[in-house]
C-alpha atoms as a PDB file:
ATOM      1  CA  MET A   1      85.407 -54.561 -12.668  1.00  0.00           C
ATOM      2  CA  MET A   2      86.574 -51.756 -10.374  1.00  0.00           C
ATOM      3  CA  THR A   3      85.622 -53.825  -7.326  1.00  0.00           C
ATOM      4  CA  ILE A   4      88.027 -56.548  -8.402  1.00  0.00           C
ATOM      5  CA  ILE A   5      90.827 -54.017  -8.827  1.00  0.00           C
ATOM      6  CA  TYR A   6      90.174 -52.594  -5.352  1.00  0.00           C
ATOM      7  CA  ILE A   7      90.244 -56.081  -3.845  1.00  0.00           C
ATOM      8  CA  LEU A   8      93.499 -56.904  -5.648  1.00  0.00           C
ATOM      9  CA  LEU A   9      95.125 -53.662  -4.491  1.00  0.00           C
ATOM     10  CA  LEU A  10      93.995 -54.255  -0.924  1.00  0.00           C
ATOM     11  CA  SER A  11      95.368 -57.810  -1.033  1.00  0.00           C
ATOM     12  CA  LEU A  12      98.682 -56.559  -2.406  1.00  0.00           C
ATOM     13  CA  LEU A  13      98.913 -53.927   0.323  1.00  0.00           C
ATOM     14  CA  ALA A  14      98.067 -56.452   3.043  1.00  0.00           C
ATOM     15  CA  GLY A  15     100.640 -58.920   1.718  1.00  0.00           C
ATOM     16  CA  ALA A  16     103.322 -56.236   1.597  1.00  0.00           C
ATOM     17  CA  ALA A  17     102.491 -55.182   5.166  1.00  0.00           C
ATOM     18  CA  ILE A  18     102.756 -58.771   6.377  1.00  0.00           C
ATOM     19  CA  LEU A  19     106.124 -59.203   4.636  1.00  0.00           C
ATOM     20  CA  TYR A  20     107.350 -55.935   6.155  1.00  0.00           C
ATOM     21  CA  LEU A  21     106.357 -56.965   9.666  1.00  0.00           C
ATOM     22  CA  VAL A  22     107.763 -60.489   9.352  1.00  0.00           C
ATOM     23  CA  PHE A  23     111.097 -59.300   7.973  1.00  0.00           C
ATOM     24  CA  GLN A  24     111.311 -56.591  10.612  1.00  0.00           C
ATOM     25  CA  ASP A  25     110.971 -59.305  13.287  1.00  0.00           C
ATOM     26  CA  ILE A  26     113.488 -61.615  11.620  1.00  0.00           C
ATOM     27  CA  ALA A  27     116.254 -59.012  11.258  1.00  0.00           C
ATOM     28  CA  PRO A  28     115.927 -56.623  14.203  1.00  0.00           C
ATOM     29  CA  SER A  29     119.682 -56.485  14.757  1.00  0.00           C
ATOM     30  CA  SER A  30     120.539 -54.790  11.452  1.00  0.00           C
ATOM     31  CA  LYS A  31     122.810 -51.851  12.182  1.00  0.00           C
ATOM     32  CA  LEU A  32     121.521 -49.174   9.836  1.00  0.00           C
ATOM     33  CA  GLU A  33     120.600 -45.586  10.473  1.00  0.00           C
ATOM     34  CA  MET A  34     117.344 -45.989   8.593  1.00  0.00           C
ATOM     35  CA  ARG A  35     115.925 -48.961  10.463  1.00  0.00           C
ATOM     36  CA  GLY A  36     113.048 -49.655   8.078  1.00  0.00           C
ATOM     37  CA  MET A  37     115.151 -49.959   4.930  1.00  0.00           C
ATOM     38  CA  PRO A  38     115.986 -53.704   5.155  1.00  0.00           C
ATOM     39  CA  ALA A  39     112.314 -54.547   5.573  1.00  0.00           C
ATOM     40  CA  LEU A  40     111.340 -52.252   2.706  1.00  0.00           C
ATOM     41  CA  GLY A  41     114.054 -53.878   0.598  1.00  0.00           C
ATOM     42  CA  ALA A  42     112.563 -57.302   1.285  1.00  0.00           C
ATOM     43  CA  VAL A  43     109.117 -56.081   0.226  1.00  0.00           C
ATOM     44  CA  ALA A  44     110.524 -54.421  -2.901  1.00  0.00           C
ATOM     45  CA  GLY A  45     112.401 -57.601  -3.835  1.00  0.00           C
ATOM     46  CA  PHE A  46     109.288 -59.686  -3.374  1.00  0.00           C
ATOM     47  CA  LEU A  47     107.247 -57.308  -5.530  1.00  0.00           C
ATOM     48  CA  LEU A  48     109.943 -57.301  -8.215  1.00  0.00           C
ATOM     49  CA  GLY A  49     109.908 -61.096  -8.291  1.00  0.00           C
ATOM     50  CA  LEU A  50     106.113 -61.158  -8.366  1.00  0.00           C
ATOM     51  CA  ILE A  51     105.943 -58.703 -11.257  1.00  0.00           C
ATOM     52  CA  GLY A  52     108.642 -60.627 -13.150  1.00  0.00           C
ATOM     53  CA  ASN A  53     106.785 -63.886 -12.595  1.00  0.00           C
ATOM     54  CA  MET A  54     103.556 -62.341 -13.828  1.00  0.00           C
ATOM     55  CA  MET A  55     105.298 -60.999 -16.936  1.00  0.00           C
ATOM     56  CA  LEU A  56     106.886 -64.362 -17.733  1.00  0.00           C
ATOM     57  CA  LEU A  57     103.757 -66.415 -17.147  1.00  0.00           C
ATOM     58  CA  GLY A  58     101.311 -63.865 -18.540  1.00  0.00           C
ATOM     59  CA  GLY A  59      99.387 -63.876 -15.292  1.00  0.00           C
END
């Protein structure tokens, strides 16, 4: 059981890292002092949508 949880957490971390890197490449011209915030916002929005989807569908 714990092995499955570790695999799920690793997959979630890898997916978030991929989203962060992709969004950082798509929007490199954002003029913010904290340059990583738009990419972190994209990851946070994706995770919020994923959690909401899981709550609605019981997944």
